[in-house]
Amino acid sequence: MQIYCKGVTSSYELENIARMFFPGTVPAKKYHRKEDLIVVYATARKLVVGVRWNGVCHLVKGVQPQNETQEQALCGMLYELLGKITGIRLPWGKLTGVRPVRIIHDRRANGLSEQEIEDLFLKRYDCTPEKFQLAKQIADLQRPILENRGEKDYSLYIGIPFCPSRCSYCSFVSRTMDRDQKLVQDYVDYLCEEIQATRQQADQCGLTLKTIYIGGGTPTSLSADQLRQLMETVRQCYDLSQVEEYTVEAGRPDCTDREKLDVMKEYGATRISINPQTFSDDVLRRIGRKHTAQDILDCYDQARQAGHTNINMDLIAGLPGDTVEGFIRSLELAISLQPENITVHTLTLKRASNLVIENRQEDYADVAQMVQECSRLAKAGYQPYYLYRQKNTLQNLENTGWCKPGTEGYYNIYIMEEVHSILAAGAGASTKLCQPGGDRIERIFNYKYPAEYLQGFEEILRRKQGVSEFYARYLDPQTDGGNQPD
């Protein structure tokens, strides 16, 4: 499907609406009469939305709106028309954004009543009652956590862009260890230097560290000595006794052993993530994982023996070759292990993933039923604590983190609700600077790939000065750019 827009103020959200019904929809450079096409047309007085699909044309007309923007009106018209002709009922309705929970936080802050917020979701956005209740439950749980945040709080993200192998669904900027092994030690050395520079910027701005997250890629693709070097640098730079949470992704058992688990514990990690994605050996092979379900169970057992008391496990609904029954078996096995967190992702077909590049034909029809089976988590005593959505997620669904009471992953809440800055280090890392008390967000990007990161390291350090420049503009008039305060 293609979409052709003319006379509109913006086509961005219109394209997103179209993709929710017809994944892979692309903009058309001009109007044509042969292939399937969505047309959105606006003049000074009227609005027109039309769809040609399987040789049949459908049309709806309207006028320029009085109580909403032109973009909102056109999106509503397109949503209603596509829903009517396809028969598809989208669980999140017209919402195309990543953070539905934040809408609730923002509307509460603006004084809307609970009934007005519910009407917004159910009537204006056309969300299903089930999805609204999920978002509201999460917002209610997050509320006391977010109320305790400070103006100068921040989190630290450290990126390791290496993996043992590349999963078929993955689009992250990462390199396999067999290809880029020679870069790893230099990368760790430079990364430690960037962490020190990040600490200097944070101190200069008077910021307070709340959480640390070492992610990837796969952090445990580093050797035990390299992981020890990295975590020792973090320990030297920060008083870990004052940090709320320190997470390390120990995601894959094919590179996570007892020695590395001991290193994480010794150097201050308070939360780790061991991510099976599935407990089916057949599905693991199909997605490119070079380990078995038993390897996951053994790794989890070793983590408990090493003294880790806060463990997350990731599962993915909709993996190639999986079934509803298979997903239920994975979910029930994860529950039986009693990790503190279980995060359920819905498969997203990302353009840079092998699944999309190789144009693999898979049957994803049962993914909604898989997500519905997550009600088993609530029955087992878990509660949803954060949620986000992505473009090209199967059937317009979501990713939800579940936790045992009192074991919420704070970093996940902070980054998803954009309540404070995330200072990031490493290849492909993106620092997100959030204006305290305002809506302004600025980003500082590092080079994506390890080789670029090493070659452009001086430029990365120069960009880091943007942290203090941001806070000089938006928070502390006493802070003077890149100079140390008196």
Protein backbone atom coordinates (compact mmCIF):
# COMPACT_ATOMS: atom_id res chain seq x y z
CA MET A 1 0.00 0.00 0.00
CA GLN A 2 1.06 3.60 -0.73
CA ILE A 3 -0.24 6.86 0.71
CA TYR A 4 -0.42 10.14 -1.23
CA CYS A 5 -0.98 13.37 0.70
CA LYS A 6 -1.69 16.80 -0.79
CA GLY A 7 -2.40 20.10 0.93
CA VAL A 8 -1.93 18.69 4.43
CA THR A 9 0.05 20.41 7.15
CA SER A 10 1.83 17.15 8.05
CA SER A 11 1.71 13.59 6.69
CA TYR A 12 3.68 11.93 9.52
CA GLU A 13 0.77 10.73 11.69
CA LEU A 14 -1.32 9.89 8.64
CA GLU A 15 1.41 7.54 7.47
CA ASN A 16 1.55 5.97 10.94
CA ILE A 17 -2.23 5.42 10.94
CA ALA A 18 -2.02 3.79 7.52
CA ARG A 19 0.76 1.43 8.63
CA MET A 20 -1.29 0.20 11.56
CA PHE A 21 -3.80 -1.24 9.08
CA PHE A 22 -1.44 -1.91 6.17
CA PRO A 23 2.08 -2.62 7.50
CA GLY A 24 4.79 -1.49 5.12
CA THR A 25 2.80 1.45 3.72
CA VAL A 26 5.14 3.93 2.00
CA PRO A 27 4.61 7.51 0.77
CA ALA A 28 3.71 7.91 -2.92
CA LYS A 29 5.49 10.70 -4.78
CA LYS A 30 2.48 11.30 -7.02
CA TYR A 31 -1.10 10.20 -7.52
CA HIS A 32 -1.57 7.07 -9.65
CA ARG A 33 -4.61 5.10 -10.80
CA LYS A 34 -3.36 1.51 -10.97
CA GLU A 35 -2.18 0.10 -7.63
CA ASP A 36 -3.67 0.16 -4.14
CA LEU A 37 -3.49 3.70 -2.80
CA ILE A 38 -4.55 5.88 0.13
CA VAL A 39 -5.22 9.51 -0.78
CA VAL A 40 -5.48 12.34 1.75
CA TYR A 41 -6.40 15.74 0.34
CA ALA A 42 -7.06 19.07 2.01
CA THR A 43 -8.19 22.49 0.72
CA ALA A 44 -9.12 25.67 2.55
CA ARG A 45 -12.65 24.35 3.08
CA LYS A 46 -12.78 20.58 2.75
CA LEU A 47 -10.99 17.42 3.71
CA VAL A 48 -11.02 14.23 1.64
CA VAL A 49 -9.77 10.74 2.46
CA GLY A 50 -9.95 7.95 -0.09
CA VAL A 51 -8.74 4.38 -0.36
CA ARG A 52 -8.39 2.19 -3.44
CA TRP A 53 -8.02 -1.41 -2.25
CA ASN A 54 -8.35 -4.56 -4.33
CA GLY A 55 -9.86 -2.54 -7.15
CA VAL A 56 -12.61 -0.98 -5.00
CA CYS A 57 -12.65 2.73 -4.11
CA HIS A 58 -13.86 4.12 -0.77
CA LEU A 59 -14.28 7.82 -0.02
CA VAL A 60 -15.13 10.05 2.93
CA LYS A 61 -15.38 13.85 2.99
CA GLY A 62 -15.30 16.43 5.74
CA VAL A 63 -14.78 20.15 6.43
CA GLN A 64 -11.97 22.02 8.09
CA PRO A 65 -12.35 21.43 11.85
CA GLN A 66 -13.14 24.04 14.49
CA ASN A 67 -12.15 22.25 17.72
CA GLU A 68 -9.14 20.21 16.61
CA THR A 69 -6.23 20.51 14.23
CA GLN A 70 -6.42 19.59 10.57
CA GLU A 71 -4.02 16.72 11.23
CA GLN A 72 -6.22 15.33 14.02
CA ALA A 73 -9.33 15.53 11.87
CA LEU A 74 -7.68 13.80 8.92
CA CYS A 75 -6.20 11.09 11.13
CA GLY A 76 -9.66 10.45 12.58
CA MET A 77 -11.23 10.24 9.13
CA LEU A 78 -8.52 7.89 7.87
CA TYR A 79 -8.73 5.71 10.99
CA GLU A 80 -12.51 5.33 10.70
CA LEU A 81 -12.38 4.56 6.99
CA LEU A 82 -9.59 2.00 7.23
CA GLY A 83 -11.24 0.32 10.20
CA LYS A 84 -14.52 0.09 8.27
CA ILE A 85 -13.13 -1.40 5.06
CA THR A 86 -10.66 -3.81 6.71
CA GLY A 87 -12.78 -4.86 9.68
CA ILE A 88 -9.74 -4.43 11.92
CA ARG A 89 -10.24 -3.20 15.51
CA LEU A 90 -6.94 -1.81 16.78
CA PRO A 91 -6.45 -2.41 20.53
CA TRP A 92 -4.86 1.01 21.08
CA GLY A 93 -7.20 2.76 18.67
CA LYS A 94 -5.85 5.93 17.09
CA LEU A 95 -2.84 6.12 19.39
CA THR A 96 0.39 5.92 17.42
CA GLY A 97 2.80 7.10 20.13
CA VAL A 98 5.32 5.10 22.14
CA ARG A 99 4.17 6.15 25.63
CA PRO A 100 0.42 5.84 26.31
CA VAL A 101 1.01 5.79 30.08
CA ARG A 102 2.60 9.22 29.92
CA ILE A 103 -0.63 10.63 28.50
CA ILE A 104 -2.30 9.74 31.79
CA HIS A 105 0.50 11.32 33.86
CA ASP A 106 0.39 14.51 31.76
CA ARG A 107 -3.40 14.83 31.83
CA ARG A 108 -3.45 14.35 35.60
CA ALA A 109 -0.80 17.04 35.95
CA ASN A 110 -2.97 19.33 33.81
CA GLY A 111 -5.95 18.84 36.11
CA LEU A 112 -8.14 16.45 34.12
CA SER A 113 -10.43 14.24 36.17
CA GLU A 114 -10.18 10.47 36.06
CA GLN A 115 -13.45 10.33 34.09
CA GLU A 116 -12.14 12.86 31.56
CA ILE A 117 -8.99 10.80 31.08
CA GLU A 118 -11.03 7.63 30.58
CA ASP A 119 -13.24 9.40 28.04
CA LEU A 120 -10.13 10.62 26.22
CA PHE A 121 -8.84 7.07 25.80
CA LEU A 122 -12.14 5.31 25.09
CA LYS A 123 -14.01 7.93 23.05
CA ARG A 124 -11.42 10.13 21.37
CA TYR A 125 -8.60 7.61 20.93
CA ASP A 126 -10.93 4.59 20.57
CA CYS A 127 -8.78 2.38 22.81
CA THR A 128 -10.29 -0.83 24.06
CA PRO A 129 -11.29 -0.76 27.75
CA GLU A 130 -8.72 -3.50 28.43
CA LYS A 131 -5.81 -1.46 27.10
CA PHE A 132 -6.92 1.67 28.93
CA GLN A 133 -7.18 -0.23 32.21
CA LEU A 134 -3.69 -1.64 31.63
CA ALA A 135 -2.26 1.85 31.08
CA LYS A 136 -4.14 3.26 34.08
CA GLN A 137 -2.99 0.46 36.39
CA ILE A 138 0.61 1.17 35.40
CA ALA A 139 0.18 4.93 35.85
CA ASP A 140 -1.27 4.37 39.33
CA LEU A 141 1.66 2.15 40.31
CA GLN A 142 4.22 4.62 38.91
CA ARG A 143 2.69 7.71 40.51
CA PRO A 144 4.42 7.55 43.94
CA ILE A 145 7.74 6.64 42.29
CA LEU A 146 7.59 9.64 39.96
CA GLU A 147 6.47 12.01 42.71
CA ASN A 148 9.72 11.33 44.59
CA ARG A 149 12.04 12.36 41.77
CA GLY A 150 14.26 15.45 42.00
CA GLU A 151 14.90 18.21 39.49
CA LYS A 152 18.52 17.20 39.04
CA ASP A 153 18.15 13.42 39.00
CA TYR A 154 19.59 11.42 36.13
CA SER A 155 20.35 7.86 35.04
CA LEU A 156 23.46 6.46 33.37
CA TYR A 157 23.27 4.12 30.38
CA ILE A 158 26.36 2.21 29.24
CA GLY A 159 26.18 0.43 25.88
CA ILE A 160 28.05 -2.72 24.83
CA PRO A 161 27.52 -3.14 21.06
CA PHE A 162 28.69 -6.76 20.79
CA CYS A 163 26.82 -10.08 20.73
CA PRO A 164 27.76 -13.76 20.35
CA SER A 165 25.46 -13.92 17.29
CA ARG A 166 22.74 -11.77 15.76
CA CYS A 167 19.12 -12.70 16.45
CA SER A 168 16.86 -12.66 13.40
CA TYR A 169 14.48 -10.05 14.89
CA CYS A 170 17.21 -7.67 16.08
CA SER A 171 17.93 -4.27 14.56
CA PHE A 172 20.18 -2.89 17.29
CA VAL A 173 23.58 -1.55 16.38
CA SER A 174 25.70 -4.49 17.47
CA ARG A 175 28.55 -6.58 16.11
CA THR A 176 29.21 -10.28 16.52
CA MET A 177 32.25 -11.17 18.57
CA ASP A 178 33.78 -13.44 15.93
CA ARG A 179 33.87 -10.49 13.52
CA ASP A 180 35.04 -7.62 15.74
CA GLN A 181 36.93 -9.34 18.57
CA LYS A 182 40.03 -7.25 17.88
CA LEU A 183 38.11 -4.03 18.67
CA VAL A 184 36.71 -5.09 22.02
CA GLN A 185 39.58 -4.25 24.38
CA ASP A 186 40.16 -0.84 22.82
CA TYR A 187 36.43 -0.24 23.01
CA VAL A 188 36.33 -1.04 26.73
CA ASP A 189 39.31 1.27 27.36
CA TYR A 190 37.65 4.18 25.56
CA LEU A 191 34.29 3.45 27.14
CA CYS A 192 35.82 3.71 30.61
CA GLU A 193 37.24 7.08 29.67
CA GLU A 194 33.84 8.26 28.43
CA ILE A 195 32.21 7.15 31.70
CA GLN A 196 34.71 9.30 33.59
CA ALA A 197 33.95 12.27 31.31
CA THR A 198 30.22 11.70 31.85
CA ARG A 199 30.72 11.80 35.60
CA GLN A 200 32.61 15.09 35.28
CA GLN A 201 29.75 16.63 33.28
CA ALA A 202 27.17 15.43 35.80
CA ASP A 203 29.15 16.80 38.73
CA GLN A 204 29.59 20.12 36.98
CA CYS A 205 25.81 20.42 36.67
CA GLY A 206 25.16 19.24 40.23
CA LEU A 207 23.20 16.18 39.05
CA THR A 208 22.28 13.21 41.25
CA LEU A 209 22.64 9.68 39.88
CA LYS A 210 19.59 7.48 40.48
CA THR A 211 20.06 4.37 38.33
CA ILE A 212 22.71 2.66 36.18
CA TYR A 213 21.95 0.40 33.24
CA ILE A 214 24.56 -1.59 31.31
CA GLY A 215 22.88 -2.83 28.13
CA GLY A 216 23.59 -3.75 24.57
CA GLY A 217 24.04 -5.76 22.52
CA THR A 218 25.08 -8.24 25.13
CA PRO A 219 27.28 -6.91 27.95
CA THR A 220 28.36 -10.42 28.94
CA SER A 221 29.92 -10.89 25.51
CA LEU A 222 32.86 -9.12 27.18
CA SER A 223 35.37 -11.33 28.93
CA ALA A 224 35.23 -11.54 32.71
CA ASP A 225 38.31 -9.32 32.94
CA GLN A 226 36.84 -6.72 30.59
CA LEU A 227 33.56 -6.73 32.50
CA ARG A 228 35.54 -6.33 35.72
CA GLN A 229 37.47 -3.38 34.24
CA LEU A 230 34.24 -1.69 33.16
CA MET A 231 32.41 -2.19 36.43
CA GLU A 232 35.45 -1.16 38.47
CA THR A 233 35.49 2.14 36.56
CA VAL A 234 31.83 2.64 37.40
CA ARG A 235 32.50 1.88 41.05
CA GLN A 236 35.40 4.33 41.17
CA CYS A 237 33.31 7.08 39.57
CA TYR A 238 30.14 6.71 41.64
CA ASP A 239 29.07 6.05 45.20
CA LEU A 240 27.00 2.98 44.49
CA SER A 241 25.51 3.00 47.98
CA GLN A 242 23.49 6.07 46.92
CA VAL A 243 22.18 4.53 43.68
CA GLU A 244 18.59 3.22 43.62
CA GLU A 245 19.25 0.49 41.07
CA TYR A 246 22.16 -0.94 39.05
CA THR A 247 21.15 -3.23 36.20
CA VAL A 248 23.36 -5.37 33.98
CA GLU A 249 21.91 -7.29 31.06
CA ALA A 250 23.24 -10.84 31.32
CA GLY A 251 20.86 -11.75 28.56
CA ARG A 252 22.34 -14.77 26.84
CA PRO A 253 23.55 -17.97 28.52
CA ASP A 254 25.95 -18.75 25.66
CA CYS A 255 28.25 -16.01 26.97
CA THR A 256 27.19 -15.67 30.63
CA ASP A 257 29.05 -17.94 33.05
CA ARG A 258 29.43 -18.15 36.81
CA GLU A 259 32.59 -16.02 36.84
CA LYS A 260 30.84 -13.13 35.10
CA LEU A 261 27.82 -13.47 37.36
CA ASP A 262 30.18 -13.26 40.34
CA VAL A 263 31.82 -10.14 38.87
CA MET A 264 28.45 -8.43 38.52
CA LYS A 265 27.58 -9.20 42.10
CA GLU A 266 30.97 -8.19 43.47
CA TYR A 267 31.01 -4.86 41.66
CA GLY A 268 27.60 -3.69 42.74
CA ALA A 269 24.90 -4.81 40.31
CA THR A 270 21.56 -4.99 42.13
CA ARG A 271 19.48 -6.23 39.19
CA ILE A 272 20.32 -8.43 36.19
CA SER A 273 18.40 -9.61 33.16
CA ILE A 274 18.55 -13.17 31.83
CA ASN A 275 16.50 -13.25 28.65
CA PRO A 276 15.25 -16.56 27.28
CA GLN A 277 12.85 -14.93 24.72
CA THR A 278 11.41 -18.47 24.46
CA PHE A 279 11.99 -21.84 26.11
CA SER A 280 11.48 -23.71 22.83
CA ASP A 281 14.72 -25.13 21.40
CA ASP A 282 13.21 -25.14 17.91
CA VAL A 283 12.23 -21.46 18.09
CA LEU A 284 15.63 -20.57 19.56
CA ARG A 285 17.29 -22.15 16.53
CA ARG A 286 14.97 -20.31 14.14
CA ILE A 287 15.83 -16.91 15.60
CA GLY A 288 19.58 -17.57 15.51
CA ARG A 289 20.27 -18.31 19.16
CA LYS A 290 23.17 -20.70 19.76
CA HIS A 291 21.99 -22.12 23.07
CA THR A 292 19.23 -24.32 24.42
CA ALA A 293 16.42 -23.81 26.90
CA GLN A 294 18.36 -25.91 29.41
CA ASP A 295 21.28 -23.48 29.10
CA ILE A 296 18.90 -20.70 30.19
CA LEU A 297 17.75 -22.69 33.20
CA ASP A 298 21.35 -23.46 34.17
CA CYS A 299 22.34 -19.79 33.86
CA TYR A 300 19.39 -18.72 36.00
CA ASP A 301 20.36 -21.26 38.66
CA GLN A 302 23.97 -20.02 38.64
CA ALA A 303 22.74 -16.43 39.04
CA ARG A 304 20.80 -17.37 42.14
CA GLN A 305 23.82 -19.25 43.51
CA ALA A 306 25.94 -16.13 42.90
CA GLY A 307 23.57 -14.18 45.14
CA HIS A 308 21.49 -12.24 42.63
CA THR A 309 18.13 -11.49 44.20
CA ASN A 310 16.55 -9.29 41.53
CA ILE A 311 16.35 -10.96 38.12
CA ASN A 312 14.36 -10.01 35.02
CA MET A 313 13.49 -12.46 32.25
CA ASP A 314 12.35 -11.36 28.77
CA LEU A 315 9.90 -13.26 26.57
CA ILE A 316 8.76 -12.35 23.05
CA ALA A 317 5.25 -13.02 21.76
CA GLY A 318 5.07 -13.83 18.06
CA LEU A 319 8.50 -15.31 17.38
CA PRO A 320 8.80 -17.24 14.10
CA GLY A 321 7.66 -20.83 14.53
CA ASP A 322 6.09 -20.27 17.95
CA THR A 323 2.48 -21.12 18.76
CA VAL A 324 0.04 -20.01 21.42
CA GLU A 325 0.61 -23.32 23.20
CA GLY A 326 4.37 -22.91 22.95
CA PHE A 327 4.24 -19.36 24.24
CA ILE A 328 2.09 -20.47 27.19
CA ARG A 329 4.67 -23.16 28.04
CA SER A 330 7.44 -20.53 28.00
CA LEU A 331 5.36 -18.16 30.11
CA GLU A 332 4.47 -20.81 32.66
CA LEU A 333 8.09 -21.99 32.90
CA ALA A 334 9.27 -18.43 33.47
CA ILE A 335 6.63 -17.97 36.18
CA SER A 336 7.70 -21.22 37.86
CA LEU A 337 11.25 -19.87 38.21
CA GLN A 338 9.88 -16.88 40.16
CA PRO A 339 12.09 -14.12 38.78
CA GLU A 340 11.35 -10.70 40.23
CA ASN A 341 10.48 -9.26 36.78
CA ILE A 342 9.08 -10.81 33.61
CA THR A 343 9.00 -8.53 30.56
CA VAL A 344 6.82 -9.58 27.64
CA HIS A 345 7.64 -7.99 24.29
CA THR A 346 5.53 -8.26 21.18
CA LEU A 347 7.61 -9.02 18.09
CA THR A 348 8.39 -5.92 16.07
CA LEU A 349 9.31 -6.26 12.40
CA LYS A 350 12.17 -3.79 12.18
CA ARG A 351 13.53 -2.80 8.79
CA ALA A 352 17.14 -3.57 9.72
CA SER A 353 16.35 -7.06 11.08
CA ASN A 354 17.09 -10.21 9.13
CA LEU A 355 13.40 -11.17 9.36
CA VAL A 356 12.54 -8.15 7.21
CA ILE A 357 15.67 -8.00 5.06
CA GLU A 358 15.29 -11.63 4.04
CA ASN A 359 11.51 -11.16 3.61
CA ARG A 360 10.70 -14.29 5.55
CA GLN A 361 7.10 -15.39 5.28
CA GLU A 362 5.80 -16.18 8.75
CA ASP A 363 2.36 -16.62 10.29
CA TYR A 364 1.86 -14.06 13.06
CA ALA A 365 -1.92 -14.46 13.37
CA ASP A 366 -1.88 -15.74 16.96
CA VAL A 367 0.19 -12.99 18.55
CA ALA A 368 -2.82 -11.20 20.10
CA GLN A 369 -3.86 -14.42 21.83
CA MET A 370 -0.30 -14.81 23.15
CA VAL A 371 -0.41 -11.31 24.65
CA GLN A 372 -3.81 -12.04 26.22
CA GLU A 373 -2.29 -15.06 27.94
CA CYS A 374 -0.16 -12.65 29.99
CA SER A 375 -3.13 -12.47 32.36
CA ARG A 376 -1.47 -15.56 33.83
CA LEU A 377 1.18 -13.22 35.24
CA ALA A 378 -1.43 -11.30 37.23
CA LYS A 379 -2.83 -14.54 38.59
CA ALA A 380 0.70 -15.51 39.67
CA GLY A 381 1.12 -12.30 41.69
CA TYR A 382 2.91 -10.09 39.15
CA GLN A 383 1.71 -6.59 38.32
CA PRO A 384 2.41 -4.44 35.24
CA TYR A 385 4.76 -1.56 36.02
CA TYR A 386 5.86 -0.08 32.68
CA LEU A 387 4.72 -0.21 29.08
CA TYR A 388 5.82 1.07 25.72
CA ARG A 389 4.93 0.61 22.07
CA GLN A 390 6.96 0.57 18.86
CA LYS A 391 6.31 1.13 15.20
CA ASN A 392 5.74 -2.03 13.17
CA THR A 393 4.85 -4.08 16.25
CA LEU A 394 2.62 -6.99 15.28
CA GLN A 395 -1.08 -6.10 15.42
CA ASN A 396 -0.44 -2.71 17.03
CA LEU A 397 0.30 -4.34 20.40
CA GLU A 398 2.69 -3.42 23.22
CA ASN A 399 5.63 -4.40 25.42
CA THR A 400 4.88 -4.69 29.13
CA GLY A 401 7.12 -5.16 32.13
CA TRP A 402 5.64 -7.18 35.01
CA CYS A 403 7.07 -7.30 38.50
CA LYS A 404 6.52 -8.77 41.91
CA PRO A 405 5.31 -6.03 44.29
CA GLY A 406 8.17 -3.75 45.29
CA THR A 407 10.59 -4.89 42.57
CA GLU A 408 9.82 -2.34 39.86
CA GLY A 409 12.64 -1.61 37.42
CA TYR A 410 13.19 2.09 38.08
CA TYR A 411 15.38 2.72 35.02
CA ASN A 412 12.64 1.39 32.76
CA ILE A 413 10.09 3.73 34.33
CA TYR A 414 12.37 6.75 34.18
CA ILE A 415 13.36 6.33 30.55
CA MET A 416 9.86 5.52 29.31
CA GLU A 417 8.11 8.34 31.12
CA GLU A 418 10.92 10.81 30.30
CA VAL A 419 11.05 12.25 33.81
CA HIS A 420 14.77 12.90 33.97
CA SER A 421 17.88 12.90 31.80
CA ILE A 422 19.63 9.74 30.65
CA LEU A 423 23.36 10.30 30.18
CA ALA A 424 24.65 7.62 27.82
CA ALA A 425 28.09 6.24 27.03
CA GLY A 426 29.19 3.86 24.29
CA ALA A 427 28.76 3.25 20.57
CA GLY A 428 25.22 3.87 19.40
CA ALA A 429 24.30 5.47 22.74
CA SER A 430 22.02 8.49 22.80
CA THR A 431 22.04 10.94 25.71
CA LYS A 432 18.54 12.29 26.35
CA LEU A 433 18.42 15.59 28.22
CA CYS A 434 15.05 16.40 29.83
CA GLN A 435 14.30 19.95 30.89
CA PRO A 436 13.30 19.96 34.58
CA GLY A 437 9.77 21.23 34.93
CA GLY A 438 9.35 21.60 31.17
CA ASP A 439 8.78 19.71 27.94
CA ARG A 440 12.07 20.42 26.23
CA ILE A 441 14.11 17.33 25.27
CA GLU A 442 17.47 17.40 23.52
CA ARG A 443 19.65 14.50 22.41
CA ILE A 444 23.36 13.99 22.01
CA PHE A 445 24.27 11.09 19.74
CA ASN A 446 27.42 8.98 19.80
CA TYR A 447 28.76 7.33 16.68
CA LYS A 448 26.90 4.09 15.98
CA TYR A 449 29.53 1.46 15.28
CA PRO A 450 32.53 0.40 17.40
CA ALA A 451 35.11 1.33 14.75
CA GLU A 452 33.51 4.78 14.28
CA TYR A 453 33.33 5.22 18.03
CA LEU A 454 37.06 4.58 18.41
CA GLN A 455 38.05 6.77 15.48
CA GLY A 456 35.79 9.66 16.50
CA PHE A 457 36.31 9.51 20.24
CA GLU A 458 37.60 13.07 20.60
CA GLU A 459 34.45 14.35 18.90
CA ILE A 460 32.34 12.25 21.27
CA LEU A 461 34.05 13.88 24.26
CA ARG A 462 33.50 17.30 22.69
CA ARG A 463 29.78 16.57 22.25
CA LYS A 464 29.60 15.53 25.90
CA GLN A 465 30.02 19.17 26.85
CA GLY A 466 26.48 19.64 25.58
CA VAL A 467 25.25 18.26 28.91
CA SER A 468 26.50 21.24 30.90
CA GLU A 469 25.45 23.63 28.14
CA PHE A 470 21.89 22.25 28.31
CA TYR A 471 21.63 22.65 32.08
CA ALA A 472 23.15 26.13 31.86
CA ARG A 473 20.27 27.13 29.60
CA TYR A 474 17.38 25.37 31.30
CA LEU A 475 18.15 24.98 34.98
CA ASP A 476 21.05 26.67 36.71
CA PRO A 477 22.02 30.21 35.70
CA GLN A 478 25.20 29.78 37.77
CA THR A 479 26.48 26.98 35.48
CA ASP A 480 28.79 28.28 32.79
CA GLY A 481 28.99 25.82 29.90
CA GLY A 482 32.12 23.72 30.04
CA ASN A 483 33.74 25.41 33.07
CA GLN A 484 33.86 24.02 36.56
CA PRO A 485 31.58 25.83 39.03
CA ASP A 486 33.15 27.83 41.84
